[in-house]
Amino acid sequence: MAGMSPLFRRKSEKTEPGERLVTLIRKPGCHLCDDAQAVIEKVCGELGVPWDQKDISEDKELYDRYWEQIPVVLVDGEQHTFWRVNAERLRRALTE
């Protein structure tokens, strides 16, 4: 039974695109945020990955953490990138 454990663990760690979540942390009136959102909408739409957005002006913790880096993109809660979003890099992060 112990011999199956590593295989099982490896398999369970791989997530399918539908189980992923991309979060865009943005602020109002930010053209880089609009650009990032367009890339996220395209890549997530193609892959069927859900995404959401959070406004740093409505969340002090997010503001304190990210205000110098907006827009920030999280994949599954971990920071993926900031300022400019590369579609190919995001696609790889969501499919590998």
PDB file of N, CA and C in Angstrom:
ATOM      1  N   MET A   1       0.832  -1.198   0.000  1.00  0.00           N
ATOM      2  CA  MET A   1       0.000   0.000   0.000  1.00  0.00           C
ATOM      3  C   MET A   1       0.870   1.253   0.000  1.00  0.00           C
ATOM      4  N   ALA A   2       1.938   1.252   0.797  1.00  0.00           N
ATOM      5  CA  ALA A   2       2.818   2.423   0.841  1.00  0.00           C
ATOM      6  C   ALA A   2       3.441   2.685  -0.518  1.00  0.00           C
ATOM      7  N   GLY A   3       3.643   1.657  -1.326  1.00  0.00           N
ATOM      8  CA  GLY A   3       4.229   1.815  -2.648  1.00  0.00           C
ATOM      9  C   GLY A   3       3.344   2.618  -3.584  1.00  0.00           C
ATOM     10  N   MET A   4       2.032   2.603  -3.352  1.00  0.00           N
ATOM     11  CA  MET A   4       1.113   3.352  -4.210  1.00  0.00           C
ATOM     12  C   MET A   4       1.014   4.819  -3.801  1.00  0.00           C
ATOM     13  N   SER A   5       1.412   5.116  -2.611  1.00  0.00           N
ATOM     14  CA  SER A   5       1.239   6.457  -2.078  1.00  0.00           C
ATOM     15  C   SER A   5       1.881   7.572  -2.918  1.00  0.00           C
ATOM     16  N   PRO A   6       3.164   7.464  -3.331  1.00  0.00           N
ATOM     17  CA  PRO A   6       3.746   8.555  -4.117  1.00  0.00           C
ATOM     18  C   PRO A   6       3.017   8.776  -5.439  1.00  0.00           C
ATOM     19  N   LEU A   7       2.637   7.699  -6.109  1.00  0.00           N
ATOM     20  CA  LEU A   7       1.918   7.823  -7.377  1.00  0.00           C
ATOM     21  C   LEU A   7       0.584   8.529  -7.154  1.00  0.00           C
ATOM     22  N   PHE A   8      -0.123   8.102  -6.120  1.00  0.00           N
ATOM     23  CA  PHE A   8      -1.412   8.711  -5.812  1.00  0.00           C
ATOM     24  C   PHE A   8      -1.240  10.189  -5.492  1.00  0.00           C
ATOM     25  N   ARG A   9      -0.217  10.511  -4.716  1.00  0.00           N
ATOM     26  CA  ARG A   9       0.016  11.890  -4.316  1.00  0.00           C
ATOM     27  C   ARG A   9       0.335  12.742  -5.547  1.00  0.00           C
ATOM     28  N   ARG A  10       1.194  12.239  -6.421  1.00  0.00           N
ATOM     29  CA  ARG A  10       1.551  12.988  -7.628  1.00  0.00           C
ATOM     30  C   ARG A  10       0.311  13.250  -8.468  1.00  0.00           C
ATOM     31  N   LYS A  11      -0.484  12.233  -8.633  1.00  0.00           N
ATOM     32  CA  LYS A  11      -1.677  12.378  -9.461  1.00  0.00           C
ATOM     33  C   LYS A  11      -2.645  13.388  -8.850  1.00  0.00           C
ATOM     34  N   SER A  12      -2.818  13.353  -7.544  1.00  0.00           N
ATOM     35  CA  SER A  12      -3.791  14.243  -6.917  1.00  0.00           C
ATOM     36  C   SER A  12      -3.304  15.694  -6.886  1.00  0.00           C
ATOM     37  N   GLU A  13      -1.974  15.903  -6.984  1.00  0.00           N
ATOM     38  CA  GLU A  13      -1.464  17.278  -6.975  1.00  0.00           C
ATOM     39  C   GLU A  13      -1.700  17.975  -8.302  1.00  0.00           C
ATOM     40  N   LYS A  14      -1.821  17.223  -9.391  1.00  0.00           N
ATOM     41  CA  LYS A  14      -2.065  17.832 -10.699  1.00  0.00           C
ATOM     42  C   LYS A  14      -3.529  18.261 -10.759  1.00  0.00           C
ATOM     43  N   THR A  15      -3.729  19.526 -10.996  1.00  0.00           N
ATOM     44  CA  THR A  15      -5.100  20.027 -11.046  1.00  0.00           C
ATOM     45  C   THR A  15      -5.520  20.233 -12.491  1.00  0.00           C
ATOM     46  N   GLU A  16      -6.763  20.025 -12.744  1.00  0.00           N
ATOM     47  CA  GLU A  16      -7.305  20.242 -14.072  1.00  0.00           C
ATOM     48  C   GLU A  16      -7.636  21.726 -14.221  1.00  0.00           C
ATOM     49  N   PRO A  17      -7.666  22.238 -15.477  1.00  0.00           N
ATOM     50  CA  PRO A  17      -7.922  23.673 -15.664  1.00  0.00           C
ATOM     51  C   PRO A  17      -9.176  24.169 -14.947  1.00  0.00           C
ATOM     52  N   GLY A  18     -10.248  23.379 -14.935  1.00  0.00           N
ATOM     53  CA  GLY A  18     -11.481  23.813 -14.288  1.00  0.00           C
ATOM     54  C   GLY A  18     -11.372  23.969 -12.778  1.00  0.00           C
ATOM     55  N   GLU A  19     -10.313  23.416 -12.189  1.00  0.00           N
ATOM     56  CA  GLU A  19     -10.126  23.505 -10.741  1.00  0.00           C
ATOM     57  C   GLU A  19      -9.216  24.675 -10.372  1.00  0.00           C
ATOM     58  N   ARG A  20      -8.735  25.408 -11.351  1.00  0.00           N
ATOM     59  CA  ARG A  20      -7.819  26.521 -11.123  1.00  0.00           C
ATOM     60  C   ARG A  20      -8.625  27.795 -10.888  1.00  0.00           C
ATOM     61  N   LEU A  21      -7.945  28.815 -10.376  1.00  0.00           N
ATOM     62  CA  LEU A  21      -8.585  30.123 -10.234  1.00  0.00           C
ATOM     63  C   LEU A  21      -7.532  31.202 -10.452  1.00  0.00           C
ATOM     64  N   VAL A  22      -7.852  32.122 -11.335  1.00  0.00           N
ATOM     65  CA  VAL A  22      -7.003  33.289 -11.577  1.00  0.00           C
ATOM     66  C   VAL A  22      -7.673  34.486 -10.925  1.00  0.00           C
ATOM     67  N   THR A  23      -6.882  35.271 -10.202  1.00  0.00           N
ATOM     68  CA  THR A  23      -7.403  36.481  -9.551  1.00  0.00           C
ATOM     69  C   THR A  23      -6.618  37.684 -10.053  1.00  0.00           C
ATOM     70  N   LEU A  24      -7.340  38.687 -10.509  1.00  0.00           N
ATOM     71  CA  LEU A  24      -6.736  39.953 -10.920  1.00  0.00           C
ATOM     72  C   LEU A  24      -6.943  40.953  -9.796  1.00  0.00           C
ATOM     73  N   ILE A  25      -5.839  41.465  -9.262  1.00  0.00           N
ATOM     74  CA  ILE A  25      -5.922  42.504  -8.234  1.00  0.00           C
ATOM     75  C   ILE A  25      -5.636  43.824  -8.936  1.00  0.00           C
ATOM     76  N   ARG A  26      -6.612  44.731  -8.890  1.00  0.00           N
ATOM     77  CA  ARG A  26      -6.550  45.942  -9.691  1.00  0.00           C
ATOM     78  C   ARG A  26      -7.001  47.153  -8.907  1.00  0.00           C
ATOM     79  N   LYS A  27      -6.945  48.298  -9.540  1.00  0.00           N
ATOM     80  CA  LYS A  27      -7.486  49.524  -8.960  1.00  0.00           C
ATOM     81  C   LYS A  27      -8.233  50.285 -10.048  1.00  0.00           C
ATOM     82  N   PRO A  28      -9.132  51.165  -9.661  1.00  0.00           N
ATOM     83  CA  PRO A  28      -9.915  51.917 -10.641  1.00  0.00           C
ATOM     84  C   PRO A  28      -9.016  52.830 -11.486  1.00  0.00           C
ATOM     85  N   GLY A  29      -9.403  53.015 -12.755  1.00  0.00           N
ATOM     86  CA  GLY A  29      -8.724  53.944 -13.637  1.00  0.00           C
ATOM     87  C   GLY A  29      -7.309  53.538 -14.022  1.00  0.00           C
ATOM     88  N   CYS A  30      -7.036  52.244 -14.023  1.00  0.00           N
ATOM     89  CA  CYS A  30      -5.685  51.737 -14.281  1.00  0.00           C
ATOM     90  C   CYS A  30      -5.652  51.086 -15.657  1.00  0.00           C
ATOM     91  N   HIS A  31      -4.949  51.722 -16.629  1.00  0.00           N
ATOM     92  CA  HIS A  31      -4.942  51.152 -17.987  1.00  0.00           C
ATOM     93  C   HIS A  31      -4.186  49.830 -18.052  1.00  0.00           C
ATOM     94  N   LEU A  32      -3.141  49.658 -17.233  1.00  0.00           N
ATOM     95  CA  LEU A  32      -2.447  48.364 -17.205  1.00  0.00           C
ATOM     96  C   LEU A  32      -3.379  47.266 -16.685  1.00  0.00           C
ATOM     97  N   CYS A  33      -4.254  47.647 -15.744  1.00  0.00           N
ATOM     98  CA  CYS A  33      -5.231  46.683 -15.208  1.00  0.00           C
ATOM     99  C   CYS A  33      -6.200  46.246 -16.301  1.00  0.00           C
ATOM    100  N   ASP A  34      -6.627  47.214 -17.127  1.00  0.00           N
ATOM    101  CA  ASP A  34      -7.529  46.882 -18.235  1.00  0.00           C
ATOM    102  C   ASP A  34      -6.849  45.945 -19.223  1.00  0.00           C
ATOM    103  N   ASP A  35      -5.559  46.219 -19.516  1.00  0.00           N
ATOM    104  CA  ASP A  35      -4.799  45.350 -20.419  1.00  0.00           C
ATOM    105  C   ASP A  35      -4.688  43.941 -19.829  1.00  0.00           C
ATOM    106  N   ALA A  36      -4.373  43.864 -18.535  1.00  0.00           N
ATOM    107  CA  ALA A  36      -4.241  42.565 -17.863  1.00  0.00           C
ATOM    108  C   ALA A  36      -5.560  41.810 -17.911  1.00  0.00           C
ATOM    109  N   GLN A  37      -6.657  42.510 -17.680  1.00  0.00           N
ATOM    110  CA  GLN A  37      -7.964  41.860 -17.688  1.00  0.00           C
ATOM    111  C   GLN A  37      -8.276  41.278 -19.055  1.00  0.00           C
ATOM    112  N   ALA A  38      -7.920  41.989 -20.120  1.00  0.00           N
ATOM    113  CA  ALA A  38      -8.176  41.488 -21.471  1.00  0.00           C
ATOM    114  C   ALA A  38      -7.419  40.178 -21.714  1.00  0.00           C
ATOM    115  N   VAL A  39      -6.161  40.109 -21.272  1.00  0.00           N
ATOM    116  CA  VAL A  39      -5.366  38.882 -21.439  1.00  0.00           C
ATOM    117  C   VAL A  39      -5.975  37.751 -20.614  1.00  0.00           C
ATOM    118  N   ILE A  40      -6.338  38.051 -19.361  1.00  0.00           N
ATOM    119  CA  ILE A  40      -6.923  37.034 -18.480  1.00  0.00           C
ATOM    120  C   ILE A  40      -8.232  36.503 -19.055  1.00  0.00           C
ATOM    121  N   GLU A  41      -9.088  37.410 -19.531  1.00  0.00           N
ATOM    122  CA  GLU A  41     -10.371  36.984 -20.115  1.00  0.00           C
ATOM    123  C   GLU A  41     -10.145  36.055 -21.298  1.00  0.00           C
ATOM    124  N   LYS A  42      -9.177  36.389 -22.137  1.00  0.00           N
ATOM    125  CA  LYS A  42      -8.903  35.576 -23.325  1.00  0.00           C
ATOM    126  C   LYS A  42      -8.367  34.200 -22.930  1.00  0.00           C
ATOM    127  N   VAL A  43      -7.313  34.160 -22.119  1.00  0.00           N
ATOM    128  CA  VAL A  43      -6.678  32.883 -21.763  1.00  0.00           C
ATOM    129  C   VAL A  43      -7.620  32.020 -20.933  1.00  0.00           C
ATOM    130  N   CYS A  44      -8.244  32.607 -19.933  1.00  0.00           N
ATOM    131  CA  CYS A  44      -9.155  31.830 -19.087  1.00  0.00           C
ATOM    132  C   CYS A  44     -10.368  31.360 -19.879  1.00  0.00           C
ATOM    133  N   GLY A  45     -10.843  32.196 -20.796  1.00  0.00           N
ATOM    134  CA  GLY A  45     -11.963  31.799 -21.648  1.00  0.00           C
ATOM    135  C   GLY A  45     -11.614  30.607 -22.519  1.00  0.00           C
ATOM    136  N   GLU A  46     -10.406  30.630 -23.110  1.00  0.00           N
ATOM    137  CA  GLU A  46      -9.963  29.521 -23.951  1.00  0.00           C
ATOM    138  C   GLU A  46      -9.817  28.222 -23.153  1.00  0.00           C
ATOM    139  N   LEU A  47      -9.330  28.340 -21.926  1.00  0.00           N
ATOM    140  CA  LEU A  47      -9.038  27.146 -21.121  1.00  0.00           C
ATOM    141  C   LEU A  47     -10.201  26.728 -20.217  1.00  0.00           C
ATOM    142  N   GLY A  48     -11.223  27.553 -20.113  1.00  0.00           N
ATOM    143  CA  GLY A  48     -12.337  27.243 -19.220  1.00  0.00           C
ATOM    144  C   GLY A  48     -11.962  27.386 -17.752  1.00  0.00           C
ATOM    145  N   VAL A  49     -11.051  28.302 -17.465  1.00  0.00           N
ATOM    146  CA  VAL A  49     -10.592  28.527 -16.092  1.00  0.00           C
ATOM    147  C   VAL A  49     -11.344  29.725 -15.510  1.00  0.00           C
ATOM    148  N   PRO A  50     -11.935  29.577 -14.330  1.00  0.00           N
ATOM    149  CA  PRO A  50     -12.619  30.714 -13.721  1.00  0.00           C
ATOM    150  C   PRO A  50     -11.625  31.784 -13.277  1.00  0.00           C
ATOM    151  N   TRP A  51     -12.091  33.037 -13.267  1.00  0.00           N
ATOM    152  CA  TRP A  51     -11.259  34.116 -12.764  1.00  0.00           C
ATOM    153  C   TRP A  51     -12.141  35.124 -12.058  1.00  0.00           C
ATOM    154  N   ASP A  52     -11.522  35.878 -11.171  1.00  0.00           N
ATOM    155  CA  ASP A  52     -12.241  36.957 -10.509  1.00  0.00           C
ATOM    156  C   ASP A  52     -11.304  38.140 -10.364  1.00  0.00           C
ATOM    157  N   GLN A  53     -11.840  39.229  -9.855  1.00  0.00           N
ATOM    158  CA  GLN A  53     -11.007  40.410  -9.655  1.00  0.00           C
ATOM    159  C   GLN A  53     -11.307  41.024  -8.307  1.00  0.00           C
ATOM    160  N   LYS A  54     -10.285  41.647  -7.749  1.00  0.00           N
ATOM    161  CA  LYS A  54     -10.417  42.335  -6.472  1.00  0.00           C
ATOM    162  C   LYS A  54      -9.859  43.740  -6.644  1.00  0.00           C
ATOM    163  N   ASP A  55     -10.499  44.692  -5.995  1.00  0.00           N
ATOM    164  CA  ASP A  55     -10.123  46.102  -6.087  1.00  0.00           C
ATOM    165  C   ASP A  55      -9.345  46.484  -4.831  1.00  0.00           C
ATOM    166  N   ILE A  56      -8.086  46.924  -5.001  1.00  0.00           N
ATOM    167  CA  ILE A  56      -7.285  47.245  -3.816  1.00  0.00           C
ATOM    168  C   ILE A  56      -7.833  48.441  -3.049  1.00  0.00           C
ATOM    169  N   SER A  57      -8.634  49.288  -3.719  1.00  0.00           N
ATOM    170  CA  SER A  57      -9.184  50.448  -3.012  1.00  0.00           C
ATOM    171  C   SER A  57     -10.276  50.034  -2.025  1.00  0.00           C
ATOM    172  N   GLU A  58     -10.725  48.773  -2.116  1.00  0.00           N
ATOM    173  CA  GLU A  58     -11.775  48.272  -1.217  1.00  0.00           C
ATOM    174  C   GLU A  58     -11.244  47.260  -0.207  1.00  0.00           C
ATOM    175  N   ASP A  59      -9.913  47.030  -0.195  1.00  0.00           N
ATOM    176  CA  ASP A  59      -9.339  46.002   0.668  1.00  0.00           C
ATOM    177  C   ASP A  59      -7.974  46.466   1.170  1.00  0.00           C
ATOM    178  N   LYS A  60      -7.925  46.888   2.432  1.00  0.00           N
ATOM    179  CA  LYS A  60      -6.682  47.448   2.974  1.00  0.00           C
ATOM    180  C   LYS A  60      -5.531  46.453   2.947  1.00  0.00           C
ATOM    181  N   GLU A  61      -5.804  45.188   3.244  1.00  0.00           N
ATOM    182  CA  GLU A  61      -4.738  44.179   3.246  1.00  0.00           C
ATOM    183  C   GLU A  61      -4.132  44.034   1.848  1.00  0.00           C
ATOM    184  N   LEU A  62      -4.996  43.944   0.821  1.00  0.00           N
ATOM    185  CA  LEU A  62      -4.492  43.858  -0.548  1.00  0.00           C
ATOM    186  C   LEU A  62      -3.748  45.128  -0.926  1.00  0.00           C
ATOM    187  N   TYR A  63      -4.264  46.290  -0.505  1.00  0.00           N
ATOM    188  CA  TYR A  63      -3.612  47.560  -0.813  1.00  0.00           C
ATOM    189  C   TYR A  63      -2.201  47.590  -0.223  1.00  0.00           C
ATOM    190  N   ASP A  64      -2.103  47.249   1.064  1.00  0.00           N
ATOM    191  CA  ASP A  64      -0.805  47.280   1.736  1.00  0.00           C
ATOM    192  C   ASP A  64       0.193  46.328   1.083  1.00  0.00           C
ATOM    193  N   ARG A  65      -0.308  45.207   0.602  1.00  0.00           N
ATOM    194  CA  ARG A  65       0.584  44.184   0.048  1.00  0.00           C
ATOM    195  C   ARG A  65       1.006  44.468  -1.393  1.00  0.00           C
ATOM    196  N   TYR A  66       0.092  45.006  -2.205  1.00  0.00           N
ATOM    197  CA  TYR A  66       0.326  45.052  -3.648  1.00  0.00           C
ATOM    198  C   TYR A  66       0.329  46.444  -4.285  1.00  0.00           C
ATOM    199  N   TRP A  67       0.138  47.520  -3.543  1.00  0.00           N
ATOM    200  CA  TRP A  67      -0.107  48.814  -4.185  1.00  0.00           C
ATOM    201  C   TRP A  67       0.979  49.240  -5.156  1.00  0.00           C
ATOM    202  N   GLU A  68       2.224  48.822  -4.951  1.00  0.00           N
ATOM    203  CA  GLU A  68       3.299  49.211  -5.874  1.00  0.00           C
ATOM    204  C   GLU A  68       3.345  48.342  -7.127  1.00  0.00           C
ATOM    205  N   GLN A  69       2.600  47.244  -7.150  1.00  0.00           N
ATOM    206  CA  GLN A  69       2.729  46.274  -8.233  1.00  0.00           C
ATOM    207  C   GLN A  69       1.499  46.164  -9.130  1.00  0.00           C
ATOM    208  N   ILE A  70       0.468  46.902  -8.853  1.00  0.00           N
ATOM    209  CA  ILE A  70      -0.805  46.763  -9.568  1.00  0.00           C
ATOM    210  C   ILE A  70      -0.620  46.925 -11.071  1.00  0.00           C
ATOM    211  N   PRO A  71      -1.258  46.111 -11.919  1.00  0.00           N
ATOM    212  CA  PRO A  71      -2.077  44.963 -11.545  1.00  0.00           C
ATOM    213  C   PRO A  71      -1.230  43.749 -11.156  1.00  0.00           C
ATOM    214  N   VAL A  72      -1.797  42.947 -10.270  1.00  0.00           N
ATOM    215  CA  VAL A  72      -1.158  41.707  -9.843  1.00  0.00           C
ATOM    216  C   VAL A  72      -2.080  40.558 -10.240  1.00  0.00           C
ATOM    217  N   VAL A  73      -1.477  39.479 -10.743  1.00  0.00           N
ATOM    218  CA  VAL A  73      -2.252  38.304 -11.113  1.00  0.00           C
ATOM    219  C   VAL A  73      -1.844  37.155 -10.198  1.00  0.00           C
ATOM    220  N   LEU A  74      -2.834  36.557  -9.570  1.00  0.00           N
ATOM    221  CA  LEU A  74      -2.620  35.373  -8.743  1.00  0.00           C
ATOM    222  C   LEU A  74      -3.154  34.157  -9.489  1.00  0.00           C
ATOM    223  N   VAL A  75      -2.452  33.045  -9.369  1.00  0.00           N
ATOM    224  CA  VAL A  75      -2.957  31.763  -9.865  1.00  0.00           C
ATOM    225  C   VAL A  75      -3.071  30.862  -8.654  1.00  0.00           C
ATOM    226  N   ASP A  76      -4.290  30.438  -8.373  1.00  0.00           N
ATOM    227  CA  ASP A  76      -4.561  29.599  -7.200  1.00  0.00           C
ATOM    228  C   ASP A  76      -4.036  30.254  -5.921  1.00  0.00           C
ATOM    229  N   GLY A  77      -4.176  31.577  -5.832  1.00  0.00           N
ATOM    230  CA  GLY A  77      -3.804  32.304  -4.622  1.00  0.00           C
ATOM    231  C   GLY A  77      -2.333  32.661  -4.513  1.00  0.00           C
ATOM    232  N   GLU A  78      -1.507  32.204  -5.458  1.00  0.00           N
ATOM    233  CA  GLU A  78      -0.070  32.506  -5.432  1.00  0.00           C
ATOM    234  C   GLU A  78       0.231  33.551  -6.503  1.00  0.00           C
ATOM    235  N   GLN A  79       1.102  34.516  -6.189  1.00  0.00           N
ATOM    236  CA  GLN A  79       1.407  35.554  -7.162  1.00  0.00           C
ATOM    237  C   GLN A  79       2.063  34.953  -8.401  1.00  0.00           C
ATOM    238  N   HIS A  80       1.488  35.267  -9.552  1.00  0.00           N
ATOM    239  CA  HIS A  80       1.991  34.788 -10.844  1.00  0.00           C
ATOM    240  C   HIS A  80       2.821  35.877 -11.518  1.00  0.00           C
ATOM    241  N   THR A  81       2.296  37.082 -11.554  1.00  0.00           N
ATOM    242  CA  THR A  81       2.988  38.183 -12.213  1.00  0.00           C
ATOM    243  C   THR A  81       2.399  39.504 -11.751  1.00  0.00           C
ATOM    244  N   PHE A  82       3.037  40.586 -12.173  1.00  0.00           N
ATOM    245  CA  PHE A  82       2.482  41.917 -11.925  1.00  0.00           C
ATOM    246  C   PHE A  82       2.829  42.829 -13.089  1.00  0.00           C
ATOM    247  N   TRP A  83       2.155  43.973 -13.147  1.00  0.00           N
ATOM    248  CA  TRP A  83       2.267  44.992 -14.195  1.00  0.00           C
ATOM    249  C   TRP A  83       1.783  44.494 -15.553  1.00  0.00           C
ATOM    250  N   ARG A  84       2.540  43.633 -16.214  1.00  0.00           N
ATOM    251  CA  ARG A  84       2.129  43.168 -17.543  1.00  0.00           C
ATOM    252  C   ARG A  84       1.926  41.647 -17.524  1.00  0.00           C
ATOM    253  N   VAL A  85       0.840  41.212 -18.154  1.00  0.00           N
ATOM    254  CA  VAL A  85       0.509  39.788 -18.178  1.00  0.00           C
ATOM    255  C   VAL A  85       0.865  39.222 -19.545  1.00  0.00           C
ATOM    256  N   ASN A  86       1.673  38.168 -19.552  1.00  0.00           N
ATOM    257  CA  ASN A  86       2.047  37.497 -20.790  1.00  0.00           C
ATOM    258  C   ASN A  86       1.088  36.320 -20.991  1.00  0.00           C
ATOM    259  N   ALA A  87       0.358  36.332 -22.101  1.00  0.00           N
ATOM    260  CA  ALA A  87      -0.665  35.312 -22.345  1.00  0.00           C
ATOM    261  C   ALA A  87      -0.076  33.910 -22.378  1.00  0.00           C
ATOM    262  N   GLU A  88       1.057  33.727 -23.044  1.00  0.00           N
ATOM    263  CA  GLU A  88       1.650  32.391 -23.131  1.00  0.00           C
ATOM    264  C   GLU A  88       2.113  31.892 -21.763  1.00  0.00           C
ATOM    265  N   ARG A  89       2.716  32.779 -20.979  1.00  0.00           N
ATOM    266  CA  ARG A  89       3.188  32.384 -19.648  1.00  0.00           C
ATOM    267  C   ARG A  89       2.007  32.004 -18.748  1.00  0.00           C
ATOM    268  N   LEU A  90       0.915  32.773 -18.827  1.00  0.00           N
ATOM    269  CA  LEU A  90      -0.272  32.457 -18.037  1.00  0.00           C
ATOM    270  C   LEU A  90      -0.865  31.125 -18.493  1.00  0.00           C
ATOM    271  N   ARG A  91      -0.935  30.919 -19.800  1.00  0.00           N
ATOM    272  CA  ARG A  91      -1.473  29.663 -20.326  1.00  0.00           C
ATOM    273  C   ARG A  91      -0.649  28.474 -19.826  1.00  0.00           C
ATOM    274  N   ARG A  92       0.682  28.597 -19.844  1.00  0.00           N
ATOM    275  CA  ARG A  92       1.550  27.518 -19.345  1.00  0.00           C
ATOM    276  C   ARG A  92       1.310  27.272 -17.863  1.00  0.00           C
ATOM    277  N   ALA A  93       1.178  28.350 -17.091  1.00  0.00           N
ATOM    278  CA  ALA A  93       0.968  28.198 -15.644  1.00  0.00           C
ATOM    279  C   ALA A  93      -0.332  27.447 -15.357  1.00  0.00           C
ATOM    280  N   LEU A  94      -1.315  27.601 -16.221  1.00  0.00           N
ATOM    281  CA  LEU A  94      -2.612  26.983 -16.000  1.00  0.00           C
ATOM    282  C   LEU A  94      -2.718  25.573 -16.571  1.00  0.00           C
ATOM    283  N   THR A  95      -1.783  25.194 -17.419  1.00  0.00           N
ATOM    284  CA  THR A  95      -1.909  23.878 -18.076  1.00  0.00           C
ATOM    285  C   THR A  95      -0.798  22.912 -17.689  1.00  0.00           C
ATOM    286  N   GLU A  96       0.271  23.364 -17.078  1.00  0.00           N
ATOM    287  CA  GLU A  96       1.358  22.455 -16.704  1.00  0.00           C
ATOM    288  C   GLU A  96       1.165  21.897 -15.320  1.00  0.00           C
TER     289      GLU A  96
END
